[in-house]
Amino acid sequence: MSSDIKPDPSPEAKHIHESFRGVLGLSPQERVRFLYEPRWIGYARAKRILDDIAALLRMPKVARMRNMLIVGDSNNGKTKVIERFKELHGQGFVSEDSESIRPVIVVESPPSADEKGLYVSILSQFWSPYKKNGTVTELRYDAISRLRLCKAEILIVDEIHSLLVGPAAKLRMVMNTIKMLCNELRIPIVGVGTRDAVRVLHSDPQHASRFDVYALPLWKLDPEFQALLAGFESVLPLKQPSHLASPEMATLLHDICEGNLGDLHRLLIECSKVAIETGKECITREIVTSKAWVKPTKGIREVQP
């Protein structure tokens, strides 16, 4: 996509980050497509979490590794933070000895508390066959061997709140498995999930003592939220400034998204699409109001004409 970006047609478009001003030279259809491309919008809380996960990577291997649990409301940026971390620190490579090195392994928790399911989730991240119907012992050996071979430095388990589905005994078993992996491989474990995920740690006091909990709460209507809006505006391919960080616009946007980062992102994409297709080239109060159907994640989105 970057090769198609034309020279900046509007050097005065200071509301857009200089890296993205060239996008204004694309056609309306191409700019709409650009809206949906993934990109990172940094903010203080995410940076703190990214820095602290990176610190885990640098920790010496000790008998009791420090672990982390990242919790927050659905669609509020947790997985995006993990994707960003993997982008910054988890790119695989081939060593001088022709070994395939993968320092960061990200897996999705099984849909319920199941030790075998956790091993399968780990093994599915490797591009080689494994015995899906193998015994727990066989899968455990295979998972640990592959994590060692790729020299994994950290294991991230997304959607870890799913472990709450099922009997308490199975939850304790899976959490003991996570503890065993941490001890056996001497690598930190990072869990990611909704606020309910904290209950996973209550299955055993030892688990709670091993994990530091980091929360990604809903955004408040404050200067930090306004700074976030300014960050979003700097990457939206609109030729005119929308002044999203102004008190009036910030209040309106917050009222609709209710501080949910994912819903804010979706709302701004919908509004920007209208601004491009109608030729207004900026997000107005009227456009935002017309997209109020982009309800919070916990609600039902009924698309309006």
C-alpha atoms as a PDB file:
ATOM      1  CA  MET A   1       0.000   0.000   0.000  1.00  0.00           C
ATOM      2  CA  SER A   2       2.823   2.376   0.878  1.00  0.00           C
ATOM      3  CA  SER A   3       4.224   2.196  -2.652  1.00  0.00           C
ATOM      4  CA  ASP A   4       0.934   3.573  -3.980  1.00  0.00           C
ATOM      5  CA  ILE A   5       0.975   6.630  -1.728  1.00  0.00           C
ATOM      6  CA  LYS A   6       1.532   9.765  -3.745  1.00  0.00           C
ATOM      7  CA  PRO A   7       3.562  12.788  -2.608  1.00  0.00           C
ATOM      8  CA  ASP A   8       1.840  14.913   0.001  1.00  0.00           C
ATOM      9  CA  PRO A   9      -0.710  17.025  -1.922  1.00  0.00           C
ATOM     10  CA  SER A  10      -1.323  19.278   1.038  1.00  0.00           C
ATOM     11  CA  PRO A  11       1.730  20.223   3.117  1.00  0.00           C
ATOM     12  CA  GLU A  12      -0.607  22.339   5.250  1.00  0.00           C
ATOM     13  CA  ALA A  13      -2.558  19.272   6.446  1.00  0.00           C
ATOM     14  CA  LYS A  14      -0.896  19.533   9.830  1.00  0.00           C
ATOM     15  CA  HIS A  15      -3.724  17.659  11.542  1.00  0.00           C
ATOM     16  CA  ILE A  16      -2.389  14.464   9.929  1.00  0.00           C
ATOM     17  CA  HIS A  17       0.895  12.861  10.924  1.00  0.00           C
ATOM     18  CA  GLU A  18       3.493  13.560   8.258  1.00  0.00           C
ATOM     19  CA  SER A  19       3.895   9.831   7.603  1.00  0.00           C
ATOM     20  CA  PHE A  20       0.276   9.624   6.435  1.00  0.00           C
ATOM     21  CA  ARG A  21      -0.224  12.914   4.582  1.00  0.00           C
ATOM     22  CA  GLY A  22       0.590  11.260   1.282  1.00  0.00           C
ATOM     23  CA  VAL A  23      -2.541   9.116   1.688  1.00  0.00           C
ATOM     24  CA  LEU A  24      -4.602  12.227   0.901  1.00  0.00           C
ATOM     25  CA  GLY A  25      -3.497  11.838  -2.709  1.00  0.00           C
ATOM     26  CA  LEU A  26      -5.278   8.507  -3.038  1.00  0.00           C
ATOM     27  CA  SER A  27      -8.780   8.098  -4.447  1.00  0.00           C
ATOM     28  CA  PRO A  28     -11.779   8.169  -2.069  1.00  0.00           C
ATOM     29  CA  GLN A  29     -12.146   4.394  -2.435  1.00  0.00           C
ATOM     30  CA  GLU A  30      -8.479   3.846  -1.565  1.00  0.00           C
ATOM     31  CA  ARG A  31      -8.727   6.163   1.430  1.00  0.00           C
ATOM     32  CA  VAL A  32     -11.763   4.273   2.733  1.00  0.00           C
ATOM     33  CA  ARG A  33      -9.815   1.037   2.388  1.00  0.00           C
ATOM     34  CA  PHE A  34      -6.939   2.680   4.261  1.00  0.00           C
ATOM     35  CA  LEU A  35      -9.301   3.316   7.189  1.00  0.00           C
ATOM     36  CA  TYR A  36      -9.696  -0.412   7.765  1.00  0.00           C
ATOM     37  CA  GLU A  37      -5.998  -1.242   7.702  1.00  0.00           C
ATOM     38  CA  PRO A  38      -4.628  -2.108  11.160  1.00  0.00           C
ATOM     39  CA  ARG A  39      -2.394   0.484  12.763  1.00  0.00           C
ATOM     40  CA  TRP A  40      -1.208   1.254  16.247  1.00  0.00           C
ATOM     41  CA  ILE A  41      -2.352   4.298  18.210  1.00  0.00           C
ATOM     42  CA  GLY A  42      -0.098   4.626  21.236  1.00  0.00           C
ATOM     43  CA  TYR A  43      -1.225   5.803  24.662  1.00  0.00           C
ATOM     44  CA  ALA A  44       0.291   5.901  28.141  1.00  0.00           C
ATOM     45  CA  ARG A  45      -1.383   2.872  29.705  1.00  0.00           C
ATOM     46  CA  ALA A  46      -0.542   0.630  26.762  1.00  0.00           C
ATOM     47  CA  LYS A  47       3.060   1.850  26.731  1.00  0.00           C
ATOM     48  CA  ARG A  48       3.421   0.987  30.424  1.00  0.00           C
ATOM     49  CA  ILE A  49       2.170  -2.548  29.782  1.00  0.00           C
ATOM     50  CA  LEU A  50       4.369  -2.978  26.693  1.00  0.00           C
ATOM     51  CA  ASP A  51       7.416  -1.785  28.630  1.00  0.00           C
ATOM     52  CA  ASP A  52       6.699  -4.146  31.521  1.00  0.00           C
ATOM     53  CA  ILE A  53       6.176  -7.184  29.256  1.00  0.00           C
ATOM     54  CA  ALA A  54       9.470  -6.306  27.558  1.00  0.00           C
ATOM     55  CA  ALA A  55      11.075  -6.199  31.009  1.00  0.00           C
ATOM     56  CA  LEU A  56       9.878  -9.770  31.587  1.00  0.00           C
ATOM     57  CA  LEU A  57      11.795 -10.800  28.466  1.00  0.00           C
ATOM     58  CA  ARG A  58      14.998  -9.396  29.932  1.00  0.00           C
ATOM     59  CA  MET A  59      14.617 -11.069  33.322  1.00  0.00           C
ATOM     60  CA  PRO A  60      17.200 -13.721  34.194  1.00  0.00           C
ATOM     61  CA  LYS A  61      15.858 -17.262  34.333  1.00  0.00           C
ATOM     62  CA  VAL A  62      15.104 -18.025  37.969  1.00  0.00           C
ATOM     63  CA  ALA A  63      13.128 -20.705  39.782  1.00  0.00           C
ATOM     64  CA  ARG A  64      10.118 -18.443  40.279  1.00  0.00           C
ATOM     65  CA  MET A  65       9.510 -16.285  37.218  1.00  0.00           C
ATOM     66  CA  ARG A  66       7.304 -13.228  37.504  1.00  0.00           C
ATOM     67  CA  ASN A  67       4.060 -13.466  35.518  1.00  0.00           C
ATOM     68  CA  MET A  68       1.477 -10.939  34.377  1.00  0.00           C
ATOM     69  CA  LEU A  69      -2.292 -10.865  33.909  1.00  0.00           C
ATOM     70  CA  ILE A  70      -3.785  -8.151  31.680  1.00  0.00           C
ATOM     71  CA  VAL A  71      -7.517  -7.618  32.189  1.00  0.00           C
ATOM     72  CA  GLY A  72     -10.125  -5.257  30.792  1.00  0.00           C
ATOM     73  CA  ASP A  73     -13.554  -4.982  29.246  1.00  0.00           C
ATOM     74  CA  SER A  74     -14.254  -6.728  25.963  1.00  0.00           C
ATOM     75  CA  ASN A  75     -13.068  -4.842  22.866  1.00  0.00           C
ATOM     76  CA  ASN A  76     -11.021  -2.396  24.924  1.00  0.00           C
ATOM     77  CA  GLY A  77      -7.589  -2.949  23.379  1.00  0.00           C
ATOM     78  CA  LYS A  78      -6.107  -5.939  25.256  1.00  0.00           C
ATOM     79  CA  THR A  79      -5.437  -8.134  22.242  1.00  0.00           C
ATOM     80  CA  LYS A  80      -4.186  -5.127  20.280  1.00  0.00           C
ATOM     81  CA  VAL A  81      -1.546  -4.517  22.940  1.00  0.00           C
ATOM     82  CA  ILE A  82      -0.419  -8.132  22.665  1.00  0.00           C
ATOM     83  CA  GLU A  83      -0.294  -7.916  18.865  1.00  0.00           C
ATOM     84  CA  ARG A  84       1.810  -4.778  19.177  1.00  0.00           C
ATOM     85  CA  PHE A  85       4.186  -6.497  21.590  1.00  0.00           C
ATOM     86  CA  LYS A  86       4.603  -9.437  19.234  1.00  0.00           C
ATOM     87  CA  GLU A  87       5.236  -7.016  16.361  1.00  0.00           C
ATOM     88  CA  LEU A  88       7.964  -5.249  18.362  1.00  0.00           C
ATOM     89  CA  HIS A  89       9.615  -8.196  20.087  1.00  0.00           C
ATOM     90  CA  GLY A  90       8.290 -11.453  18.698  1.00  0.00           C
ATOM     91  CA  GLN A  91       9.474 -11.672  15.122  1.00  0.00           C
ATOM     92  CA  GLY A  92      10.901 -15.130  14.484  1.00  0.00           C
ATOM     93  CA  PHE A  93      14.235 -15.681  12.760  1.00  0.00           C
ATOM     94  CA  VAL A  94      16.659 -18.408  11.768  1.00  0.00           C
ATOM     95  CA  SER A  95      19.868 -18.540  13.785  1.00  0.00           C
ATOM     96  CA  GLU A  96      23.364 -19.089  12.428  1.00  0.00           C
ATOM     97  CA  ASP A  97      22.915 -22.752  13.339  1.00  0.00           C
ATOM     98  CA  SER A  98      19.786 -22.907  11.137  1.00  0.00           C
ATOM     99  CA  GLU A  99      17.526 -23.087  14.181  1.00  0.00           C
ATOM    100  CA  SER A 100      14.065 -21.543  13.992  1.00  0.00           C
ATOM    101  CA  ILE A 101      13.879 -19.064  16.880  1.00  0.00           C
ATOM    102  CA  ARG A 102      10.523 -17.742  18.132  1.00  0.00           C
ATOM    103  CA  PRO A 103      10.962 -15.689  21.316  1.00  0.00           C
ATOM    104  CA  VAL A 104       7.261 -14.859  21.762  1.00  0.00           C
ATOM    105  CA  ILE A 105       4.562 -17.518  21.562  1.00  0.00           C
ATOM    106  CA  VAL A 106       0.949 -16.306  21.654  1.00  0.00           C
ATOM    107  CA  VAL A 107      -1.811 -18.877  22.045  1.00  0.00           C
ATOM    108  CA  GLU A 108      -5.535 -18.689  22.617  1.00  0.00           C
ATOM    109  CA  SER A 109      -6.891 -20.359  25.704  1.00  0.00           C
ATOM    110  CA  PRO A 110      -9.002 -23.465  25.103  1.00  0.00           C
ATOM    111  CA  PRO A 111     -12.750 -22.727  25.243  1.00  0.00           C
ATOM    112  CA  SER A 112     -12.966 -24.357  28.672  1.00  0.00           C
ATOM    113  CA  ALA A 113     -10.614 -25.518  31.415  1.00  0.00           C
ATOM    114  CA  ASP A 114      -8.827 -28.424  29.752  1.00  0.00           C
ATOM    115  CA  GLU A 115      -5.168 -29.372  30.145  1.00  0.00           C
ATOM    116  CA  LYS A 116      -5.068 -31.260  26.868  1.00  0.00           C
ATOM    117  CA  GLY A 117      -6.709 -28.326  25.086  1.00  0.00           C
ATOM    118  CA  LEU A 118      -3.984 -25.991  26.351  1.00  0.00           C
ATOM    119  CA  TYR A 119      -1.244 -28.222  24.940  1.00  0.00           C
ATOM    120  CA  VAL A 120      -3.082 -28.419  21.611  1.00  0.00           C
ATOM    121  CA  SER A 121      -3.329 -24.596  21.543  1.00  0.00           C
ATOM    122  CA  ILE A 122       0.428 -24.380  22.016  1.00  0.00           C
ATOM    123  CA  LEU A 123       1.264 -27.050  19.444  1.00  0.00           C
ATOM    124  CA  SER A 124      -1.037 -25.474  16.847  1.00  0.00           C
ATOM    125  CA  GLN A 125       1.291 -22.463  16.756  1.00  0.00           C
ATOM    126  CA  PHE A 126       4.037 -24.562  15.188  1.00  0.00           C
ATOM    127  CA  TRP A 127       4.009 -25.375  11.484  1.00  0.00           C
ATOM    128  CA  SER A 128       4.496 -29.083  11.943  1.00  0.00           C
ATOM    129  CA  PRO A 129       2.193 -32.045  12.628  1.00  0.00           C
ATOM    130  CA  TYR A 130       1.441 -33.303  16.119  1.00  0.00           C
ATOM    131  CA  LYS A 131      -0.697 -36.072  17.595  1.00  0.00           C
ATOM    132  CA  LYS A 132      -4.051 -34.373  18.117  1.00  0.00           C
ATOM    133  CA  ASN A 133      -5.399 -37.549  19.676  1.00  0.00           C
ATOM    134  CA  GLY A 134      -2.298 -38.182  21.768  1.00  0.00           C
ATOM    135  CA  THR A 135      -2.423 -38.677  25.512  1.00  0.00           C
ATOM    136  CA  VAL A 136      -1.977 -35.751  27.883  1.00  0.00           C
ATOM    137  CA  THR A 137       1.530 -37.010  28.669  1.00  0.00           C
ATOM    138  CA  GLU A 138       2.467 -37.173  24.977  1.00  0.00           C
ATOM    139  CA  LEU A 139       1.100 -33.711  24.241  1.00  0.00           C
ATOM    140  CA  ARG A 140       2.817 -32.266  27.307  1.00  0.00           C
ATOM    141  CA  TYR A 141       6.177 -33.663  26.229  1.00  0.00           C
ATOM    142  CA  ASP A 142       5.671 -32.425  22.653  1.00  0.00           C
ATOM    143  CA  ALA A 143       4.631 -28.902  23.752  1.00  0.00           C
ATOM    144  CA  ILE A 144       7.555 -28.489  26.156  1.00  0.00           C
ATOM    145  CA  SER A 145      10.022 -29.853  23.584  1.00  0.00           C
ATOM    146  CA  ARG A 146       8.869 -27.432  20.886  1.00  0.00           C
ATOM    147  CA  LEU A 147       8.909 -24.455  23.222  1.00  0.00           C
ATOM    148  CA  ARG A 148      12.483 -25.365  24.136  1.00  0.00           C
ATOM    149  CA  LEU A 149      13.566 -25.934  20.535  1.00  0.00           C
ATOM    150  CA  CYS A 150      12.294 -22.527  19.391  1.00  0.00           C
ATOM    151  CA  LYS A 151      13.927 -20.918  22.459  1.00  0.00           C
ATOM    152  CA  ALA A 152      10.655 -19.324  23.565  1.00  0.00           C
ATOM    153  CA  GLU A 153      11.269 -16.492  26.015  1.00  0.00           C
ATOM    154  CA  ILE A 154       7.657 -15.782  26.939  1.00  0.00           C
ATOM    155  CA  LEU A 155       4.266 -17.494  26.589  1.00  0.00           C
ATOM    156  CA  ILE A 156       1.145 -15.333  26.204  1.00  0.00           C
ATOM    157  CA  VAL A 157      -2.268 -16.923  26.744  1.00  0.00           C
ATOM    158  CA  ASP A 158      -5.111 -14.819  25.313  1.00  0.00           C
ATOM    159  CA  GLU A 159      -8.781 -15.185  26.351  1.00  0.00           C
ATOM    160  CA  ILE A 160      -7.641 -16.800  29.596  1.00  0.00           C
ATOM    161  CA  HIS A 161     -11.022 -16.093  31.210  1.00  0.00           C
ATOM    162  CA  SER A 162     -12.321 -19.028  29.145  1.00  0.00           C
ATOM    163  CA  LEU A 163     -10.738 -21.309  31.756  1.00  0.00           C
ATOM    164  CA  LEU A 164     -13.591 -20.354  34.087  1.00  0.00           C
ATOM    165  CA  VAL A 165     -15.878 -22.563  31.980  1.00  0.00           C
ATOM    166  CA  GLY A 166     -15.959 -26.005  33.548  1.00  0.00           C
ATOM    167  CA  PRO A 167     -15.480 -27.618  36.942  1.00  0.00           C
ATOM    168  CA  ALA A 168     -13.241 -25.950  39.524  1.00  0.00           C
ATOM    169  CA  ALA A 169     -11.069 -29.068  39.649  1.00  0.00           C
ATOM    170  CA  LYS A 170     -10.231 -28.742  35.942  1.00  0.00           C
ATOM    171  CA  LEU A 171      -9.447 -25.050  36.371  1.00  0.00           C
ATOM    172  CA  ARG A 172      -6.966 -25.873  39.124  1.00  0.00           C
ATOM    173  CA  MET A 173      -5.425 -28.530  36.897  1.00  0.00           C
ATOM    174  CA  VAL A 174      -4.920 -26.125  33.988  1.00  0.00           C
ATOM    175  CA  MET A 175      -3.506 -23.433  36.263  1.00  0.00           C
ATOM    176  CA  ASN A 176      -1.110 -26.004  37.702  1.00  0.00           C
ATOM    177  CA  THR A 177      -0.138 -26.813  34.122  1.00  0.00           C
ATOM    178  CA  ILE A 178       0.631 -23.144  33.468  1.00  0.00           C
ATOM    179  CA  LYS A 179       2.706 -23.046  36.656  1.00  0.00           C
ATOM    180  CA  MET A 180       4.535 -26.205  35.548  1.00  0.00           C
ATOM    181  CA  LEU A 181       5.351 -24.686  32.134  1.00  0.00           C
ATOM    182  CA  CYS A 182       6.652 -21.560  33.833  1.00  0.00           C
ATOM    183  CA  ASN A 183       8.836 -23.600  36.218  1.00  0.00           C
ATOM    184  CA  GLU A 184       9.995 -26.184  33.677  1.00  0.00           C
ATOM    185  CA  LEU A 185      10.914 -23.701  30.947  1.00  0.00           C
ATOM    186  CA  ARG A 186      11.740 -20.811  33.271  1.00  0.00           C
ATOM    187  CA  ILE A 187       9.851 -18.358  31.113  1.00  0.00           C
ATOM    188  CA  PRO A 188       7.246 -15.794  32.190  1.00  0.00           C
ATOM    189  CA  ILE A 189       3.584 -16.365  31.393  1.00  0.00           C
ATOM    190  CA  VAL A 190       1.272 -13.497  30.408  1.00  0.00           C
ATOM    191  CA  GLY A 191      -2.471 -14.063  30.632  1.00  0.00           C
ATOM    192  CA  VAL A 192      -4.923 -11.794  28.831  1.00  0.00           C
ATOM    193  CA  GLY A 193      -8.661 -11.681  29.436  1.00  0.00           C
ATOM    194  CA  THR A 194     -11.746  -9.900  30.669  1.00  0.00           C
ATOM    195  CA  ARG A 195     -12.062  -8.706  34.251  1.00  0.00           C
ATOM    196  CA  ASP A 196     -13.444 -12.127  35.153  1.00  0.00           C
ATOM    197  CA  ALA A 197      -9.984 -13.510  34.475  1.00  0.00           C
ATOM    198  CA  VAL A 198      -8.904 -12.346  37.933  1.00  0.00           C
ATOM    199  CA  ARG A 199     -11.093 -15.127  39.317  1.00  0.00           C
ATOM    200  CA  VAL A 200      -8.791 -17.616  37.594  1.00  0.00           C
ATOM    201  CA  LEU A 201      -6.064 -16.634  40.039  1.00  0.00           C
ATOM    202  CA  HIS A 202      -8.304 -17.396  43.009  1.00  0.00           C
ATOM    203  CA  SER A 203      -8.172 -21.124  42.235  1.00  0.00           C
ATOM    204  CA  ASP A 204      -5.009 -21.299  44.346  1.00  0.00           C
ATOM    205  CA  PRO A 205      -3.235 -18.651  46.488  1.00  0.00           C
ATOM    206  CA  GLN A 206       0.052 -19.624  44.821  1.00  0.00           C
ATOM    207  CA  HIS A 207      -1.266 -18.514  41.443  1.00  0.00           C
ATOM    208  CA  ALA A 208      -2.346 -15.126  42.771  1.00  0.00           C
ATOM    209  CA  SER A 209       1.126 -14.541  44.231  1.00  0.00           C
ATOM    210  CA  ARG A 210       2.813 -15.286  40.896  1.00  0.00           C
ATOM    211  CA  PHE A 211       0.824 -12.850  38.724  1.00  0.00           C
ATOM    212  CA  ASP A 212       0.902  -9.055  38.695  1.00  0.00           C
ATOM    213  CA  VAL A 213      -2.466  -7.775  37.480  1.00  0.00           C
ATOM    214  CA  TYR A 214      -2.608  -4.899  34.973  1.00  0.00           C
ATOM    215  CA  ALA A 215      -5.987  -3.358  34.147  1.00  0.00           C
ATOM    216  CA  LEU A 216      -7.067  -1.608  30.958  1.00  0.00           C
ATOM    217  CA  PRO A 217     -10.154   0.219  32.243  1.00  0.00           C
ATOM    218  CA  LEU A 218     -12.714   2.053  30.173  1.00  0.00           C
ATOM    219  CA  TRP A 219     -11.600   5.553  29.245  1.00  0.00           C
ATOM    220  CA  LYS A 220     -12.782   8.505  31.283  1.00  0.00           C
ATOM    221  CA  LEU A 221     -13.689  11.829  29.707  1.00  0.00           C
ATOM    222  CA  ASP A 222     -10.469  13.588  30.584  1.00  0.00           C
ATOM    223  CA  PRO A 223      -7.343  15.090  28.965  1.00  0.00           C
ATOM    224  CA  GLU A 224      -5.945  11.594  28.387  1.00  0.00           C
ATOM    225  CA  PHE A 225      -9.014  10.718  26.325  1.00  0.00           C
ATOM    226  CA  GLN A 226      -8.644  13.956  24.376  1.00  0.00           C
ATOM    227  CA  ALA A 227      -5.004  13.077  23.672  1.00  0.00           C
ATOM    228  CA  LEU A 228      -6.168   9.699  22.382  1.00  0.00           C
ATOM    229  CA  LEU A 229      -8.619  11.428  20.029  1.00  0.00           C
ATOM    230  CA  ALA A 230      -5.842  13.656  18.740  1.00  0.00           C
ATOM    231  CA  GLY A 231      -3.815  10.524  18.042  1.00  0.00           C
ATOM    232  CA  PHE A 232      -6.676   9.012  16.072  1.00  0.00           C
ATOM    233  CA  GLU A 233      -7.180  12.200  14.068  1.00  0.00           C
ATOM    234  CA  SER A 234      -3.517  12.173  13.075  1.00  0.00           C
ATOM    235  CA  VAL A 235      -4.001   8.933  11.114  1.00  0.00           C
ATOM    236  CA  LEU A 236      -7.450   9.497   9.602  1.00  0.00           C
ATOM    237  CA  PRO A 237      -7.110  10.318   5.850  1.00  0.00           C
ATOM    238  CA  LEU A 238      -9.332  13.414   5.917  1.00  0.00           C
ATOM    239  CA  LYS A 239      -8.260  16.599   4.161  1.00  0.00           C
ATOM    240  CA  GLN A 240      -9.747  18.956   6.745  1.00  0.00           C
ATOM    241  CA  PRO A 241      -9.241  18.956  10.532  1.00  0.00           C
ATOM    242  CA  SER A 242     -12.101  17.545  12.601  1.00  0.00           C
ATOM    243  CA  HIS A 243     -10.921  18.887  15.997  1.00  0.00           C
ATOM    244  CA  LEU A 244     -11.851  15.603  17.648  1.00  0.00           C
ATOM    245  CA  ALA A 245     -10.050  16.580  20.845  1.00  0.00           C
ATOM    246  CA  SER A 246     -12.172  19.687  21.370  1.00  0.00           C
ATOM    247  CA  PRO A 247     -14.356  19.527  24.501  1.00  0.00           C
ATOM    248  CA  GLU A 248     -17.567  19.426  22.451  1.00  0.00           C
ATOM    249  CA  MET A 249     -16.484  16.616  20.117  1.00  0.00           C
ATOM    250  CA  ALA A 250     -14.739  14.652  22.865  1.00  0.00           C
ATOM    251  CA  THR A 251     -17.882  14.717  25.006  1.00  0.00           C
ATOM    252  CA  LEU A 252     -20.100  13.591  22.129  1.00  0.00           C
ATOM    253  CA  LEU A 253     -17.775  10.748  21.134  1.00  0.00           C
ATOM    254  CA  HIS A 254     -17.387   9.599  24.728  1.00  0.00           C
ATOM    255  CA  ASP A 255     -21.147   9.601  25.262  1.00  0.00           C
ATOM    256  CA  ILE A 256     -21.555   7.183  22.352  1.00  0.00           C
ATOM    257  CA  CYS A 257     -18.592   4.848  22.897  1.00  0.00           C
ATOM    258  CA  GLU A 258     -18.814   5.051  26.703  1.00  0.00           C
ATOM    259  CA  GLY A 259     -15.049   4.921  26.969  1.00  0.00           C
ATOM    260  CA  ASN A 260     -14.614   1.636  25.088  1.00  0.00           C
ATOM    261  CA  LEU A 261     -11.547   1.855  22.850  1.00  0.00           C
ATOM    262  CA  GLY A 262     -12.737  -0.643  20.247  1.00  0.00           C
ATOM    263  CA  ASP A 263     -16.106   1.051  19.924  1.00  0.00           C
ATOM    264  CA  LEU A 264     -14.444   4.448  19.595  1.00  0.00           C
ATOM    265  CA  HIS A 265     -12.262   3.105  16.790  1.00  0.00           C
ATOM    266  CA  ARG A 266     -15.271   1.626  14.998  1.00  0.00           C
ATOM    267  CA  LEU A 267     -17.219   4.877  15.418  1.00  0.00           C
ATOM    268  CA  LEU A 268     -14.389   6.991  13.988  1.00  0.00           C
ATOM    269  CA  ILE A 269     -14.034   4.662  10.989  1.00  0.00           C
ATOM    270  CA  GLU A 270     -17.761   4.912  10.236  1.00  0.00           C
ATOM    271  CA  CYS A 271     -17.696   8.700  10.562  1.00  0.00           C
ATOM    272  CA  SER A 272     -14.545   9.065   8.454  1.00  0.00           C
ATOM    273  CA  LYS A 273     -16.075   6.909   5.727  1.00  0.00           C
ATOM    274  CA  VAL A 274     -19.065   9.259   5.530  1.00  0.00           C
ATOM    275  CA  ALA A 275     -16.785  12.313   5.535  1.00  0.00           C
ATOM    276  CA  ILE A 276     -14.815  10.917   2.577  1.00  0.00           C
ATOM    277  CA  GLU A 277     -17.772   9.675   0.550  1.00  0.00           C
ATOM    278  CA  THR A 278     -19.794  12.883   0.971  1.00  0.00           C
ATOM    279  CA  GLY A 279     -16.837  15.152   0.253  1.00  0.00           C
ATOM    280  CA  LYS A 280     -17.079  16.898   3.637  1.00  0.00           C
ATOM    281  CA  GLU A 281     -13.521  15.744   4.393  1.00  0.00           C
ATOM    282  CA  CYS A 282     -13.931  16.189   8.150  1.00  0.00           C
ATOM    283  CA  ILE A 283     -15.951  14.591  10.941  1.00  0.00           C
ATOM    284  CA  THR A 284     -18.747  16.906  12.022  1.00  0.00           C
ATOM    285  CA  ARG A 285     -21.102  16.743  14.972  1.00  0.00           C
ATOM    286  CA  GLU A 286     -23.911  15.832  12.573  1.00  0.00           C
ATOM    287  CA  ILE A 287     -21.945  12.894  11.169  1.00  0.00           C
ATOM    288  CA  VAL A 288     -21.141  11.597  14.659  1.00  0.00           C
ATOM    289  CA  THR A 289     -24.773  11.894  15.722  1.00  0.00           C
ATOM    290  CA  SER A 290     -25.893   9.973  12.637  1.00  0.00           C
ATOM    291  CA  LYS A 291     -23.608   7.104  13.665  1.00  0.00           C
ATOM    292  CA  ALA A 292     -24.831   6.872  17.251  1.00  0.00           C
ATOM    293  CA  TRP A 293     -26.094   3.366  16.433  1.00  0.00           C
ATOM    294  CA  VAL A 294     -22.503   2.191  16.928  1.00  0.00           C
ATOM    295  CA  LYS A 295     -23.453   1.163  20.433  1.00  0.00           C
ATOM    296  CA  PRO A 296     -21.036  -0.115  23.096  1.00  0.00           C
ATOM    297  CA  THR A 297     -19.836  -3.702  22.839  1.00  0.00           C
ATOM    298  CA  LYS A 298     -22.261  -4.864  25.503  1.00  0.00           C
ATOM    299  CA  GLY A 299     -25.230  -3.636  23.470  1.00  0.00           C
ATOM    300  CA  ILE A 300     -26.827  -4.533  20.144  1.00  0.00           C
ATOM    301  CA  ARG A 301     -25.745  -2.598  17.051  1.00  0.00           C
ATOM    302  CA  GLU A 302     -28.756  -1.950  14.875  1.00  0.00           C
ATOM    303  CA  VAL A 303     -27.427  -0.471  11.653  1.00  0.00           C
ATOM    304  CA  GLN A 304     -29.223   2.707  10.648  1.00  0.00           C
ATOM    305  CA  PRO A 305     -29.586   3.890   7.036  1.00  0.00           C
END
